[in-house]
Full PDB file with SEQRES, HELIX, SHEET, SSBOND, CRYST1, ORIGX, SCALE, CONECT and MASTER records, all heavy atoms in Angstrom:
SEQRES   1 A   37  TYR ASN ASN VAL GLY PHE ASN PHE SER ALA MET ASP VAL          
SEQRES   2 A   37  VAL LEU MET GLY ARG ASN PRO HIS LEU GLY ASP PHE GLN          
SEQRES   3 A   37  MET GLU ASN THR LYS ASP ILE ASP ILE ALA LYS                  
HELIX    1 AA1 ALA A   10  LEU A   15  1                                   6    
HELIX    2 AA2 MET A   16  HIS A   21  5                                   6    
HELIX    3 AA3 THR A   30  ALA A   36  1                                   7    
CRYST1    1.000    1.000    1.000  90.00  90.00  90.00 P 1           1          
ORIGX1      1.000000  0.000000  0.000000        0.00000                         
ORIGX2      0.000000  1.000000  0.000000        0.00000                         
ORIGX3      0.000000  0.000000  1.000000        0.00000                         
SCALE1      1.000000  0.000000  0.000000        0.00000                         
SCALE2      0.000000  1.000000  0.000000        0.00000                         
SCALE3      0.000000  0.000000  1.000000        0.00000                         
ATOM      1  N   TYR A   1     101.102  52.304  17.452  1.00  0.00           N  
ATOM      2  CA  TYR A   1     100.494  51.790  16.219  1.00  0.00           C  
ATOM      3  C   TYR A   1     101.058  52.577  15.047  1.00  0.00           C  
ATOM      4  O   TYR A   1     101.037  53.802  15.038  1.00  0.00           O  
ATOM      5  CB  TYR A   1      98.971  51.930  16.272  1.00  0.00           C  
ATOM      6  CG  TYR A   1      98.354  51.201  17.439  1.00  0.00           C  
ATOM      7  CD1 TYR A   1      97.902  51.903  18.548  1.00  0.00           C  
ATOM      8  CD2 TYR A   1      98.269  49.808  17.445  1.00  0.00           C  
ATOM      9  CE1 TYR A   1      97.345  51.233  19.638  1.00  0.00           C  
ATOM     10  CE2 TYR A   1      97.725  49.133  18.523  1.00  0.00           C  
ATOM     11  CZ  TYR A   1      97.268  49.847  19.612  1.00  0.00           C  
ATOM     12  OH  TYR A   1      96.735  49.182  20.693  1.00  0.00           O  
ATOM     13  N   ASN A   2     101.545  51.861  14.039  1.00  0.00           N  
ATOM     14  CA  ASN A   2     102.214  52.500  12.908  1.00  0.00           C  
ATOM     15  C   ASN A   2     101.430  52.251  11.628  1.00  0.00           C  
ATOM     16  O   ASN A   2     101.706  51.314  10.885  1.00  0.00           O  
ATOM     17  CB  ASN A   2     103.641  51.953  12.766  1.00  0.00           C  
ATOM     18  CG  ASN A   2     104.458  52.172  14.024  1.00  0.00           C  
ATOM     19  OD1 ASN A   2     104.582  53.289  14.484  1.00  0.00           O  
ATOM     20  ND2 ASN A   2     105.002  51.106  14.590  1.00  0.00           N  
ATOM     21  N   ASN A   3     100.439  53.070  11.380  1.00  0.00           N  
ATOM     22  CA  ASN A   3      99.640  52.944  10.168  1.00  0.00           C  
ATOM     23  C   ASN A   3     100.084  53.997   9.165  1.00  0.00           C  
ATOM     24  O   ASN A   3      99.865  55.198   9.356  1.00  0.00           O  
ATOM     25  CB  ASN A   3      98.147  53.132  10.485  1.00  0.00           C  
ATOM     26  CG  ASN A   3      97.634  52.032  11.399  1.00  0.00           C  
ATOM     27  OD1 ASN A   3      97.973  50.867  11.211  1.00  0.00           O  
ATOM     28  ND2 ASN A   3      96.835  52.390  12.393  1.00  0.00           N  
ATOM     29  N   VAL A   4     100.746  53.552   8.105  1.00  0.00           N  
ATOM     30  CA  VAL A   4     101.172  54.454   7.043  1.00  0.00           C  
ATOM     31  C   VAL A   4     100.060  54.496   6.011  1.00  0.00           C  
ATOM     32  O   VAL A   4      99.666  53.473   5.450  1.00  0.00           O  
ATOM     33  CB  VAL A   4     102.491  53.981   6.411  1.00  0.00           C  
ATOM     34  CG1 VAL A   4     102.908  54.918   5.280  1.00  0.00           C  
ATOM     35  CG2 VAL A   4     103.577  53.896   7.471  1.00  0.00           C  
ATOM     36  N   GLY A   5      99.544  55.697   5.756  1.00  0.00           N  
ATOM     37  CA  GLY A   5      98.357  55.835   4.917  1.00  0.00           C  
ATOM     38  C   GLY A   5      98.551  55.413   3.476  1.00  0.00           C  
ATOM     39  O   GLY A   5      97.635  54.891   2.848  1.00  0.00           O  
ATOM     40  N   PHE A   6      99.747  55.630   2.923  1.00  0.00           N  
ATOM     41  CA  PHE A   6     100.004  55.315   1.519  1.00  0.00           C  
ATOM     42  C   PHE A   6     101.061  54.215   1.435  1.00  0.00           C  
ATOM     43  O   PHE A   6     101.858  54.023   2.357  1.00  0.00           O  
ATOM     44  CB  PHE A   6     100.466  56.565   0.767  1.00  0.00           C  
ATOM     45  CG  PHE A   6      99.433  57.664   0.739  1.00  0.00           C  
ATOM     46  CD1 PHE A   6      99.439  58.662   1.707  1.00  0.00           C  
ATOM     47  CD2 PHE A   6      98.450  57.683  -0.233  1.00  0.00           C  
ATOM     48  CE1 PHE A   6      98.494  59.667   1.697  1.00  0.00           C  
ATOM     49  CE2 PHE A   6      97.493  58.678  -0.252  1.00  0.00           C  
ATOM     50  CZ  PHE A   6      97.505  59.685   0.707  1.00  0.00           C  
ATOM     51  N   ASN A   7     101.055  53.540   0.298  1.00  0.00           N  
ATOM     52  CA  ASN A   7     101.946  52.393   0.155  1.00  0.00           C  
ATOM     53  C   ASN A   7     103.331  52.820  -0.328  1.00  0.00           C  
ATOM     54  O   ASN A   7     103.809  52.407  -1.379  1.00  0.00           O  
ATOM     55  CB  ASN A   7     101.332  51.374  -0.813  1.00  0.00           C  
ATOM     56  CG  ASN A   7     101.776  49.954  -0.483  1.00  0.00           C  
ATOM     57  OD1 ASN A   7     102.283  49.697   0.602  1.00  0.00           O  
ATOM     58  ND2 ASN A   7     101.584  49.046  -1.413  1.00  0.00           N  
ATOM     59  N   PHE A   8     104.000  53.655   0.493  1.00  0.00           N  
ATOM     60  CA  PHE A   8     105.357  54.082   0.173  1.00  0.00           C  
ATOM     61  C   PHE A   8     106.325  52.909   0.309  1.00  0.00           C  
ATOM     62  O   PHE A   8     106.054  51.935   1.018  1.00  0.00           O  
ATOM     63  CB  PHE A   8     105.802  55.198   1.120  1.00  0.00           C  
ATOM     64  CG  PHE A   8     105.008  56.465   1.001  1.00  0.00           C  
ATOM     65  CD1 PHE A   8     104.085  56.822   1.972  1.00  0.00           C  
ATOM     66  CD2 PHE A   8     105.197  57.319  -0.085  1.00  0.00           C  
ATOM     67  CE1 PHE A   8     103.358  57.997   1.867  1.00  0.00           C  
ATOM     68  CE2 PHE A   8     104.478  58.492  -0.188  1.00  0.00           C  
ATOM     69  CZ  PHE A   8     103.549  58.840   0.784  1.00  0.00           C  
ATOM     70  N   SER A   9     107.466  53.026  -0.345  1.00  0.00           N  
ATOM     71  CA  SER A   9     108.512  52.030  -0.131  1.00  0.00           C  
ATOM     72  C   SER A   9     109.109  52.248   1.258  1.00  0.00           C  
ATOM     73  O   SER A   9     108.998  53.333   1.842  1.00  0.00           O  
ATOM     74  CB  SER A   9     109.611  52.176  -1.191  1.00  0.00           C  
ATOM     75  OG  SER A   9     110.359  53.359  -0.971  1.00  0.00           O  
ATOM     76  N   ALA A  10     109.741  51.201   1.780  1.00  0.00           N  
ATOM     77  CA  ALA A  10     110.352  51.309   3.106  1.00  0.00           C  
ATOM     78  C   ALA A  10     111.393  52.437   3.126  1.00  0.00           C  
ATOM     79  O   ALA A  10     111.496  53.186   4.104  1.00  0.00           O  
ATOM     80  CB  ALA A  10     110.995  49.981   3.495  1.00  0.00           C  
ATOM     81  N   MET A  11     112.159  52.580   2.029  1.00  0.00           N  
ATOM     82  CA  MET A  11     113.162  53.647   1.957  1.00  0.00           C  
ATOM     83  C   MET A  11     112.506  55.022   2.026  1.00  0.00           C  
ATOM     84  O   MET A  11     112.989  55.923   2.731  1.00  0.00           O  
ATOM     85  CB  MET A  11     113.972  53.514   0.661  1.00  0.00           C  
ATOM     86  CG  MET A  11     115.064  54.571   0.503  1.00  0.00           C  
ATOM     87  SD  MET A  11     116.274  54.502   1.851  1.00  0.00           S  
ATOM     88  CE  MET A  11     117.581  55.515   1.182  1.00  0.00           C  
ATOM     89  N   ASP A  12     111.386  55.210   1.335  1.00  0.00           N  
ATOM     90  CA  ASP A  12     110.681  56.496   1.363  1.00  0.00           C  
ATOM     91  C   ASP A  12     110.201  56.816   2.774  1.00  0.00           C  
ATOM     92  O   ASP A  12     110.247  57.972   3.217  1.00  0.00           O  
ATOM     93  CB  ASP A  12     109.491  56.468   0.405  1.00  0.00           C  
ATOM     94  CG  ASP A  12     109.918  56.522  -1.055  1.00  0.00           C  
ATOM     95  OD1 ASP A  12     111.021  57.030  -1.324  1.00  0.00           O  
ATOM     96  OD2 ASP A  12     109.154  56.048  -1.922  1.00  0.00           O  
ATOM     97  N   VAL A  13     109.732  55.771   3.495  1.00  0.00           N  
ATOM     98  CA  VAL A  13     109.250  55.978   4.866  1.00  0.00           C  
ATOM     99  C   VAL A  13     110.398  56.427   5.758  1.00  0.00           C  
ATOM    100  O   VAL A  13     110.257  57.353   6.568  1.00  0.00           O  
ATOM    101  CB  VAL A  13     108.594  54.696   5.415  1.00  0.00           C  
ATOM    102  CG1 VAL A  13     108.292  54.842   6.908  1.00  0.00           C  
ATOM    103  CG2 VAL A  13     107.315  54.369   4.653  1.00  0.00           C  
ATOM    104  N   VAL A  14     111.554  55.792   5.628  1.00  0.00           N  
ATOM    105  CA  VAL A  14     112.707  56.155   6.458  1.00  0.00           C  
ATOM    106  C   VAL A  14     113.183  57.566   6.111  1.00  0.00           C  
ATOM    107  O   VAL A  14     113.549  58.347   7.000  1.00  0.00           O  
ATOM    108  CB  VAL A  14     113.845  55.131   6.283  1.00  0.00           C  
ATOM    109  CG1 VAL A  14     115.077  55.559   7.081  1.00  0.00           C  
ATOM    110  CG2 VAL A  14     113.386  53.751   6.749  1.00  0.00           C  
ATOM    111  N   LEU A  15     113.154  57.912   4.840  1.00  0.00           N  
ATOM    112  CA  LEU A  15     113.567  59.254   4.424  1.00  0.00           C  
ATOM    113  C   LEU A  15     112.663  60.342   5.007  1.00  0.00           C  
ATOM    114  O   LEU A  15     113.080  61.499   5.128  1.00  0.00           O  
ATOM    115  CB  LEU A  15     113.587  59.356   2.897  1.00  0.00           C  
ATOM    116  CG  LEU A  15     114.843  58.805   2.200  1.00  0.00           C  
ATOM    117  CD1 LEU A  15     114.645  58.772   0.695  1.00  0.00           C  
ATOM    118  CD2 LEU A  15     116.068  59.650   2.555  1.00  0.00           C  
ATOM    119  N   MET A  16     111.433  59.975   5.373  1.00  0.00           N  
ATOM    120  CA  MET A  16     110.538  60.950   6.010  1.00  0.00           C  
ATOM    121  C   MET A  16     111.141  61.473   7.319  1.00  0.00           C  
ATOM    122  O   MET A  16     110.813  62.568   7.768  1.00  0.00           O  
ATOM    123  CB  MET A  16     109.172  60.316   6.289  1.00  0.00           C  
ATOM    124  CG  MET A  16     108.364  59.999   5.051  1.00  0.00           C  
ATOM    125  SD  MET A  16     106.812  59.153   5.462  1.00  0.00           S  
ATOM    126  CE  MET A  16     106.233  58.717   3.815  1.00  0.00           C  
ATOM    127  N   GLY A  17     112.020  60.687   7.897  1.00  0.00           N  
ATOM    128  CA  GLY A  17     112.690  61.132   9.116  1.00  0.00           C  
ATOM    129  C   GLY A  17     113.615  62.312   8.887  1.00  0.00           C  
ATOM    130  O   GLY A  17     114.024  62.988   9.841  1.00  0.00           O  
ATOM    131  N   ARG A  18     113.951  62.589   7.637  1.00  0.00           N  
ATOM    132  CA  ARG A  18     114.834  63.713   7.327  1.00  0.00           C  
ATOM    133  C   ARG A  18     114.067  65.022   7.133  1.00  0.00           C  
ATOM    134  O   ARG A  18     114.673  66.097   7.045  1.00  0.00           O  
ATOM    135  CB  ARG A  18     115.631  63.410   6.037  1.00  0.00           C  
ATOM    136  CG  ARG A  18     116.503  62.177   6.119  1.00  0.00           C  
ATOM    137  CD  ARG A  18     117.491  62.256   7.256  1.00  0.00           C  
ATOM    138  NE  ARG A  18     118.347  63.451   7.128  1.00  0.00           N  
ATOM    139  CZ  ARG A  18     118.973  64.026   8.150  1.00  0.00           C  
ATOM    140  NH1 ARG A  18     118.822  63.556   9.383  1.00  0.00           N  
ATOM    141  NH2 ARG A  18     119.735  65.089   7.953  1.00  0.00           N  
ATOM    142  N   ASN A  19     112.723  64.952   7.061  1.00  0.00           N  
ATOM    143  CA  ASN A  19     111.920  66.143   6.766  1.00  0.00           C  
ATOM    144  C   ASN A  19     112.188  67.324   7.717  1.00  0.00           C  
ATOM    145  O   ASN A  19     112.243  68.466   7.270  1.00  0.00           O  
ATOM    146  CB  ASN A  19     110.426  65.795   6.786  1.00  0.00           C  
ATOM    147  CG  ASN A  19     110.015  64.965   5.582  1.00  0.00           C  
ATOM    148  OD1 ASN A  19     110.756  64.883   4.602  1.00  0.00           O  
ATOM    149  ND2 ASN A  19     108.847  64.337   5.645  1.00  0.00           N  
ATOM    150  N   PRO A  20     112.358  67.074   9.044  1.00  0.00           N  
ATOM    151  CA  PRO A  20     112.597  68.224   9.936  1.00  0.00           C  
ATOM    152  C   PRO A  20     113.884  68.985   9.622  1.00  0.00           C  
ATOM    153  O   PRO A  20     114.036  70.143  10.035  1.00  0.00           O  
ATOM    154  CB  PRO A  20     112.680  67.580  11.326  1.00  0.00           C  
ATOM    155  CG  PRO A  20     111.963  66.283  11.198  1.00  0.00           C  
ATOM    156  CD  PRO A  20     112.230  65.824   9.810  1.00  0.00           C  
ATOM    157  N   HIS A  21     114.796  68.357   8.886  1.00  0.00           N  
ATOM    158  CA  HIS A  21     116.089  68.982   8.590  1.00  0.00           C  
ATOM    159  C   HIS A  21     116.125  69.597   7.192  1.00  0.00           C  
ATOM    160  O   HIS A  21     117.178  70.091   6.759  1.00  0.00           O  
ATOM    161  CB  HIS A  21     117.203  67.945   8.732  1.00  0.00           C  
ATOM    162  CG  HIS A  21     117.254  67.288  10.078  1.00  0.00           C  
ATOM    163  ND1 HIS A  21     117.826  67.890  11.173  1.00  0.00           N  
ATOM    164  CD2 HIS A  21     116.762  66.091  10.512  1.00  0.00           C  
ATOM    165  CE1 HIS A  21     117.714  67.085  12.228  1.00  0.00           C  
ATOM    166  NE2 HIS A  21     117.071  65.987  11.849  1.00  0.00           N  
ATOM    167  N   LEU A  22     114.994  69.549   6.476  1.00  0.00           N  
ATOM    168  CA  LEU A  22     114.928  70.090   5.117  1.00  0.00           C  
ATOM    169  C   LEU A  22     114.178  71.412   5.106  1.00  0.00           C  
ATOM    170  O   LEU A  22     113.260  71.635   5.907  1.00  0.00           O  
ATOM    171  CB  LEU A  22     114.242  69.091   4.182  1.00  0.00           C  
ATOM    172  CG  LEU A  22     114.845  67.689   4.075  1.00  0.00           C  
ATOM    173  CD1 LEU A  22     113.997  66.829   3.147  1.00  0.00           C  
ATOM    174  CD2 LEU A  22     116.284  67.758   3.580  1.00  0.00           C  
ATOM    175  N   GLY A  23     114.535  72.262   4.172  1.00  0.00           N  
ATOM    176  CA  GLY A  23     113.811  73.507   4.001  1.00  0.00           C  
ATOM    177  C   GLY A  23     112.532  73.266   3.208  1.00  0.00           C  
ATOM    178  O   GLY A  23     112.275  72.164   2.705  1.00  0.00           O  
ATOM    179  N   ASP A  24     111.707  74.296   3.085  1.00  0.00           N  
ATOM    180  CA  ASP A  24     110.471  74.179   2.325  1.00  0.00           C  
ATOM    181  C   ASP A  24     110.787  73.820   0.872  1.00  0.00           C  
ATOM    182  O   ASP A  24     111.642  74.442   0.224  1.00  0.00           O  
ATOM    183  CB  ASP A  24     109.685  75.492   2.363  1.00  0.00           C  
ATOM    184  CG  ASP A  24     109.191  75.809   3.771  1.00  0.00           C  
ATOM    185  OD1 ASP A  24     109.091  74.856   4.576  1.00  0.00           O  
ATOM    186  OD2 ASP A  24     108.926  76.991   4.066  1.00  0.00           O  
ATOM    187  N   PHE A  25     110.090  72.796   0.390  1.00  0.00           N  
ATOM    188  CA  PHE A  25     110.225  72.326  -1.002  1.00  0.00           C  
ATOM    189  C   PHE A  25     111.624  71.793  -1.311  1.00  0.00           C  
ATOM    190  O   PHE A  25     111.977  71.590  -2.473  1.00  0.00           O  
ATOM    191  CB  PHE A  25     109.876  73.448  -1.997  1.00  0.00           C  
ATOM    192  CG  PHE A  25     108.547  74.088  -1.743  1.00  0.00           C  
ATOM    193  CD1 PHE A  25     108.466  75.388  -1.263  1.00  0.00           C  
ATOM    194  CD2 PHE A  25     107.373  73.377  -1.956  1.00  0.00           C  
ATOM    195  CE1 PHE A  25     107.239  75.984  -1.009  1.00  0.00           C  
ATOM    196  CE2 PHE A  25     106.141  73.968  -1.707  1.00  0.00           C  
ATOM    197  CZ  PHE A  25     106.065  75.260  -1.230  1.00  0.00           C  
ATOM    198  N   GLN A  26     112.419  71.558  -0.282  1.00  0.00           N  
ATOM    199  CA  GLN A  26     113.767  71.027  -0.499  1.00  0.00           C  
ATOM    200  C   GLN A  26     113.720  69.506  -0.587  1.00  0.00           C  
ATOM    201  O   GLN A  26     113.041  68.840   0.195  1.00  0.00           O  
ATOM    202  CB  GLN A  26     114.703  71.451   0.635  1.00  0.00           C  
ATOM    203  CG  GLN A  26     116.146  70.973   0.467  1.00  0.00           C  
ATOM    204  CD  GLN A  26     117.030  71.378   1.636  1.00  0.00           C  
ATOM    205  OE1 GLN A  26     116.622  72.170   2.490  1.00  0.00           O  
ATOM    206  NE2 GLN A  26     118.238  70.827   1.685  1.00  0.00           N  
ATOM    207  N   MET A  27     114.448  68.930  -1.516  1.00  0.00           N  
ATOM    208  CA  MET A  27     114.516  67.484  -1.695  1.00  0.00           C  
ATOM    209  C   MET A  27     115.705  66.911  -0.910  1.00  0.00           C  
ATOM    210  O   MET A  27     116.657  67.630  -0.602  1.00  0.00           O  
ATOM    211  CB  MET A  27     114.666  67.132  -3.173  1.00  0.00           C  
ATOM    212  CG  MET A  27     113.479  67.559  -4.031  1.00  0.00           C  
ATOM    213  SD  MET A  27     111.943  66.695  -3.588  1.00  0.00           S  
ATOM    214  CE  MET A  27     112.363  65.029  -4.104  1.00  0.00           C  
ATOM    215  N   GLU A  28     115.622  65.624  -0.614  1.00  0.00           N  
ATOM    216  CA  GLU A  28     116.725  64.974   0.084  1.00  0.00           C  
ATOM    217  C   GLU A  28     117.960  64.947  -0.808  1.00  0.00           C  
ATOM    218  O   GLU A  28     117.864  64.723  -2.026  1.00  0.00           O  
ATOM    219  CB  GLU A  28     116.354  63.542   0.478  1.00  0.00           C  
ATOM    220  CG  GLU A  28     115.169  63.416   1.411  1.00  0.00           C  
ATOM    221  CD  GLU A  28     113.849  63.294   0.652  1.00  0.00           C  
ATOM    222  OE1 GLU A  28     113.875  63.418  -0.599  1.00  0.00           O  
ATOM    223  OE2 GLU A  28     112.799  63.090   1.286  1.00  0.00           O  
ATOM    224  N   ASN A  29     119.108  65.152  -0.196  1.00  0.00           N  
ATOM    225  CA  ASN A  29     120.352  65.076  -0.953  1.00  0.00           C  
ATOM    226  C   ASN A  29     121.092  63.784  -0.618  1.00  0.00           C  
ATOM    227  O   ASN A  29     120.574  62.908   0.109  1.00  0.00           O  
ATOM    228  CB  ASN A  29     121.226  66.310  -0.689  1.00  0.00           C  
ATOM    229  CG  ASN A  29     121.534  66.479   0.804  1.00  0.00           C  
ATOM    230  OD1 ASN A  29     121.588  65.512   1.552  1.00  0.00           O  
ATOM    231  ND2 ASN A  29     121.753  67.730   1.221  1.00  0.00           N  
ATOM    232  N   THR A  30     122.296  63.674  -1.107  1.00  0.00           N  
ATOM    233  CA  THR A  30     123.097  62.461  -0.899  1.00  0.00           C  
ATOM    234  C   THR A  30     123.330  62.185   0.583  1.00  0.00           C  
ATOM    235  O   THR A  30     123.287  61.032   1.035  1.00  0.00           O  
ATOM    236  CB  THR A  30     124.448  62.588  -1.619  1.00  0.00           C  
ATOM    237  OG1 THR A  30     124.222  62.849  -2.997  1.00  0.00           O  
ATOM    238  CG2 THR A  30     125.259  61.305  -1.482  1.00  0.00           C  
ATOM    239  N   LYS A  31     123.554  63.269   1.360  1.00  0.00           N  
ATOM    240  CA  LYS A  31     123.773  63.112   2.799  1.00  0.00           C  
ATOM    241  C   LYS A  31     122.546  62.501   3.464  1.00  0.00           C  
ATOM    242  O   LYS A  31     122.668  61.587   4.300  1.00  0.00           O  
ATOM    243  CB  LYS A  31     124.097  64.457   3.426  1.00  0.00           C  
ATOM    244  CG  LYS A  31     124.254  64.406   4.943  1.00  0.00           C  
ATOM    245  CD  LYS A  31     124.463  65.797   5.538  1.00  0.00           C  
ATOM    246  CE  LYS A  31     124.505  65.740   7.057  1.00  0.00           C  
ATOM    247  NZ  LYS A  31     124.638  67.095   7.666  1.00  0.00           N  
ATOM    248  N   ASP A  32     121.360  62.983   3.108  1.00  0.00           N  
ATOM    249  CA  ASP A  32     120.127  62.462   3.700  1.00  0.00           C  
ATOM    250  C   ASP A  32     119.928  60.988   3.353  1.00  0.00           C  
ATOM    251  O   ASP A  32     119.525  60.186   4.197  1.00  0.00           O  
ATOM    252  CB  ASP A  32     118.916  63.273   3.212  1.00  0.00           C  
ATOM    253  CG  ASP A  32     118.983  64.730   3.636  1.00  0.00           C  
ATOM    254  OD1 ASP A  32     119.234  64.981   4.823  1.00  0.00           O  
ATOM    255  OD2 ASP A  32     118.796  65.604   2.769  1.00  0.00           O  
ATOM    256  N   ILE A  33     120.217  60.640   2.123  1.00  0.00           N  
ATOM    257  CA  ILE A  33     120.075  59.248   1.692  1.00  0.00           C  
ATOM    258  C   ILE A  33     121.067  58.354   2.437  1.00  0.00           C  
ATOM    259  O   ILE A  33     120.731  57.238   2.858  1.00  0.00           O  
ATOM    260  CB  ILE A  33     120.266  59.142   0.162  1.00  0.00           C  
ATOM    261  CG1 ILE A  33     119.111  59.863  -0.547  1.00  0.00           C  
ATOM    262  CG2 ILE A  33     120.326  57.672  -0.272  1.00  0.00           C  
ATOM    263  CD1 ILE A  33     119.286  59.976  -2.044  1.00  0.00           C  
ATOM    264  N   ASP A  34     122.287  58.838   2.630  1.00  0.00           N  
ATOM    265  CA  ASP A  34     123.286  58.065   3.374  1.00  0.00           C  
ATOM    266  C   ASP A  34     122.848  57.853   4.824  1.00  0.00           C  
ATOM    267  O   ASP A  34     123.038  56.766   5.390  1.00  0.00           O  
ATOM    268  CB  ASP A  34     124.641  58.782   3.345  1.00  0.00           C  
ATOM    269  CG  ASP A  34     125.298  58.707   1.977  1.00  0.00           C  
ATOM    270  OD1 ASP A  34     124.890  57.853   1.172  1.00  0.00           O  
ATOM    271  OD2 ASP A  34     126.212  59.529   1.719  1.00  0.00           O  
ATOM    272  N   ILE A  35     122.274  58.887   5.443  1.00  0.00           N  
ATOM    273  CA  ILE A  35     121.797  58.777   6.826  1.00  0.00           C  
ATOM    274  C   ILE A  35     120.663  57.769   6.915  1.00  0.00           C  
ATOM    275  O   ILE A  35     120.612  56.942   7.835  1.00  0.00           O  
ATOM    276  CB  ILE A  35     121.339  60.162   7.348  1.00  0.00           C  
ATOM    277  CG1 ILE A  35     122.548  61.077   7.527  1.00  0.00           C  
ATOM    278  CG2 ILE A  35     120.579  60.025   8.665  1.00  0.00           C  
ATOM    279  CD1 ILE A  35     122.193  62.521   7.835  1.00  0.00           C  
ATOM    280  N   ALA A  36     119.749  57.805   5.933  1.00  0.00           N  
ATOM    281  CA  ALA A  36     118.628  56.861   5.918  1.00  0.00           C  
ATOM    282  C   ALA A  36     119.133  55.432   5.729  1.00  0.00           C  
ATOM    283  O   ALA A  36     118.646  54.494   6.389  1.00  0.00           O  
ATOM    284  CB  ALA A  36     117.651  57.230   4.808  1.00  0.00           C  
ATOM    285  N   LYS A  37     120.104  55.272   4.836  1.00  0.00           N  
ATOM    286  CA  LYS A  37     120.659  53.937   4.598  1.00  0.00           C  
ATOM    287  C   LYS A  37     121.320  53.396   5.867  1.00  0.00           C  
ATOM    288  O   LYS A  37     121.137  52.225   6.235  1.00  0.00           O  
ATOM    289  CB  LYS A  37     121.676  53.980   3.458  1.00  0.00           C  
ATOM    290  CG  LYS A  37     122.300  52.618   3.175  1.00  0.00           C  
ATOM    291  CD  LYS A  37     123.319  52.697   2.039  1.00  0.00           C  
ATOM    292  CE  LYS A  37     123.953  51.325   1.803  1.00  0.00           C  
ATOM    293  NZ  LYS A  37     124.978  51.377   0.729  1.00  0.00           N  
TER     294      LYS A  37                                                      
MASTER        0    0    0    3    0    0    0    6  293    1    0    3          
END                                                                             
């Protein structure tokens, strides 16, 4: 069951998959966006 609590865009949801590879308070970079795309 995939219940997303907030109404994020589909791209934002996919980018959440990059969180384990980011440091604390680090934002996604171009590489992360390319991987999500």
